[in-house]
Amino acid sequence: MKKAEINIDIKDDDLLPEYKIDYSKVKRNPYFRKNRTFVEIDEDIAKVFQSSENINTVLKAIAKSIPQNSVASL
């Protein structure tokens, strides 16, 4: 293993200048919601549904039709 030629003296709690963030310019993520899970769906399925609400409606209807004891075994 090759040793570094230059010894960089960095304090443990200081970030390098390129990692310093100007928090006054930070914006909140507009897509963030708690307890939200993302799943990847096939392109052909995405073409059928216009929104995530439509997909959720269908999935909830399917989930209600499945007996509760068989859901636990999935």
C-alpha atoms as a PDB file:
ATOM      1  CA  MET A   1       0.000   0.000   0.000  1.00  0.00           C
ATOM      2  CA  LYS A   2       1.337   3.427  -0.980  1.00  0.00           C
ATOM      3  CA  LYS A   3       1.503   6.166   1.648  1.00  0.00           C
ATOM      4  CA  ALA A   4       0.081   9.583   0.931  1.00  0.00           C
ATOM      5  CA  GLU A   5       2.766  12.091   0.018  1.00  0.00           C
ATOM      6  CA  ILE A   6       0.979  15.023   1.627  1.00  0.00           C
ATOM      7  CA  ASN A   7      -0.256  14.870   5.187  1.00  0.00           C
ATOM      8  CA  ILE A   8      -3.531  16.801   5.395  1.00  0.00           C
ATOM      9  CA  ASP A   9      -4.244  18.122   8.864  1.00  0.00           C
ATOM     10  CA  ILE A  10      -8.022  18.260   9.291  1.00  0.00           C
ATOM     11  CA  LYS A  11      -9.981  18.819  12.475  1.00  0.00           C
ATOM     12  CA  ASP A  12     -12.429  16.000  13.217  1.00  0.00           C
ATOM     13  CA  ASP A  13     -15.499  18.240  13.350  1.00  0.00           C
ATOM     14  CA  ASP A  14     -14.762  20.406  10.291  1.00  0.00           C
ATOM     15  CA  LEU A  15     -16.029  19.624   6.818  1.00  0.00           C
ATOM     16  CA  LEU A  16     -13.978  20.288   3.751  1.00  0.00           C
ATOM     17  CA  PRO A  17     -15.033  23.508   1.955  1.00  0.00           C
ATOM     18  CA  GLU A  18     -16.647  21.616  -0.912  1.00  0.00           C
ATOM     19  CA  TYR A  19     -19.047  19.936   1.544  1.00  0.00           C
ATOM     20  CA  LYS A  20     -20.200  23.099   3.284  1.00  0.00           C
ATOM     21  CA  ILE A  21     -23.917  23.674   2.645  1.00  0.00           C
ATOM     22  CA  ASP A  22     -25.629  27.041   2.557  1.00  0.00           C
ATOM     23  CA  TYR A  23     -28.790  26.074   4.451  1.00  0.00           C
ATOM     24  CA  SER A  24     -30.467  29.375   3.593  1.00  0.00           C
ATOM     25  CA  LYS A  25     -30.861  28.081   0.002  1.00  0.00           C
ATOM     26  CA  VAL A  26     -32.177  24.624   0.920  1.00  0.00           C
ATOM     27  CA  LYS A  27     -35.755  23.845  -0.148  1.00  0.00           C
ATOM     28  CA  ARG A  28     -38.078  21.280   1.363  1.00  0.00           C
ATOM     29  CA  ASN A  29     -38.681  18.195  -0.778  1.00  0.00           C
ATOM     30  CA  PRO A  30     -42.215  18.639  -2.200  1.00  0.00           C
ATOM     31  CA  TYR A  31     -42.620  14.879  -2.656  1.00  0.00           C
ATOM     32  CA  PHE A  32     -41.867  13.932   0.965  1.00  0.00           C
ATOM     33  CA  ARG A  33     -44.636  12.394   3.039  1.00  0.00           C
ATOM     34  CA  LYS A  34     -44.185  10.196   6.100  1.00  0.00           C
ATOM     35  CA  ASN A  35     -45.084   6.506   5.885  1.00  0.00           C
ATOM     36  CA  ARG A  36     -44.860   6.500   2.109  1.00  0.00           C
ATOM     37  CA  THR A  37     -43.483   3.509   0.228  1.00  0.00           C
ATOM     38  CA  PHE A  38     -42.408   3.469  -3.381  1.00  0.00           C
ATOM     39  CA  VAL A  39     -42.742   0.393  -5.537  1.00  0.00           C
ATOM     40  CA  GLU A  40     -41.589  -0.057  -9.079  1.00  0.00           C
ATOM     41  CA  ILE A  41     -44.314  -1.134 -11.483  1.00  0.00           C
ATOM     42  CA  ASP A  42     -43.988  -2.348 -15.053  1.00  0.00           C
ATOM     43  CA  GLU A  43     -44.412   0.168 -17.841  1.00  0.00           C
ATOM     44  CA  ASP A  44     -47.460  -1.578 -19.298  1.00  0.00           C
ATOM     45  CA  ILE A  45     -49.239  -1.352 -15.930  1.00  0.00           C
ATOM     46  CA  ALA A  46     -48.308   2.335 -15.576  1.00  0.00           C
ATOM     47  CA  LYS A  47     -49.926   3.058 -18.952  1.00  0.00           C
ATOM     48  CA  VAL A  48     -53.266   1.655 -17.720  1.00  0.00           C
ATOM     49  CA  PHE A  49     -53.459   3.869 -14.608  1.00  0.00           C
ATOM     50  CA  GLN A  50     -53.317   7.661 -14.787  1.00  0.00           C
ATOM     51  CA  SER A  51     -52.385   8.270 -11.146  1.00  0.00           C
ATOM     52  CA  SER A  52     -51.164   6.623  -7.977  1.00  0.00           C
ATOM     53  CA  GLU A  53     -54.636   7.133  -6.479  1.00  0.00           C
ATOM     54  CA  ASN A  54     -56.107   4.864  -9.177  1.00  0.00           C
ATOM     55  CA  ILE A  55     -53.531   2.181  -8.489  1.00  0.00           C
ATOM     56  CA  ASN A  56     -54.121   2.437  -4.728  1.00  0.00           C
ATOM     57  CA  THR A  57     -57.904   2.116  -5.198  1.00  0.00           C
ATOM     58  CA  VAL A  58     -57.504  -1.111  -7.178  1.00  0.00           C
ATOM     59  CA  LEU A  59     -54.930  -2.550  -4.774  1.00  0.00           C
ATOM     60  CA  LYS A  60     -57.111  -1.751  -1.744  1.00  0.00           C
ATOM     61  CA  ALA A  61     -60.075  -3.491  -3.388  1.00  0.00           C
ATOM     62  CA  ILE A  62     -57.925  -6.547  -4.058  1.00  0.00           C
ATOM     63  CA  ALA A  63     -56.580  -6.490  -0.492  1.00  0.00           C
ATOM     64  CA  LYS A  64     -60.134  -6.404   0.933  1.00  0.00           C
ATOM     65  CA  SER A  65     -61.130  -9.432  -1.146  1.00  0.00           C
ATOM     66  CA  ILE A  66     -58.276 -11.570   0.219  1.00  0.00           C
ATOM     67  CA  PRO A  67     -59.110 -13.447   3.455  1.00  0.00           C
ATOM     68  CA  GLN A  68     -57.093 -12.050   6.385  1.00  0.00           C
ATOM     69  CA  ASN A  69     -55.514 -15.378   7.350  1.00  0.00           C
ATOM     70  CA  SER A  70     -54.063 -15.847   3.849  1.00  0.00           C
ATOM     71  CA  VAL A  71     -52.480 -12.365   3.915  1.00  0.00           C
ATOM     72  CA  ALA A  72     -50.359 -13.344   6.907  1.00  0.00           C
ATOM     73  CA  SER A  73     -48.957 -16.309   5.009  1.00  0.00           C
ATOM     74  CA  LEU A  74     -47.776 -14.091   2.113  1.00  0.00           C
END
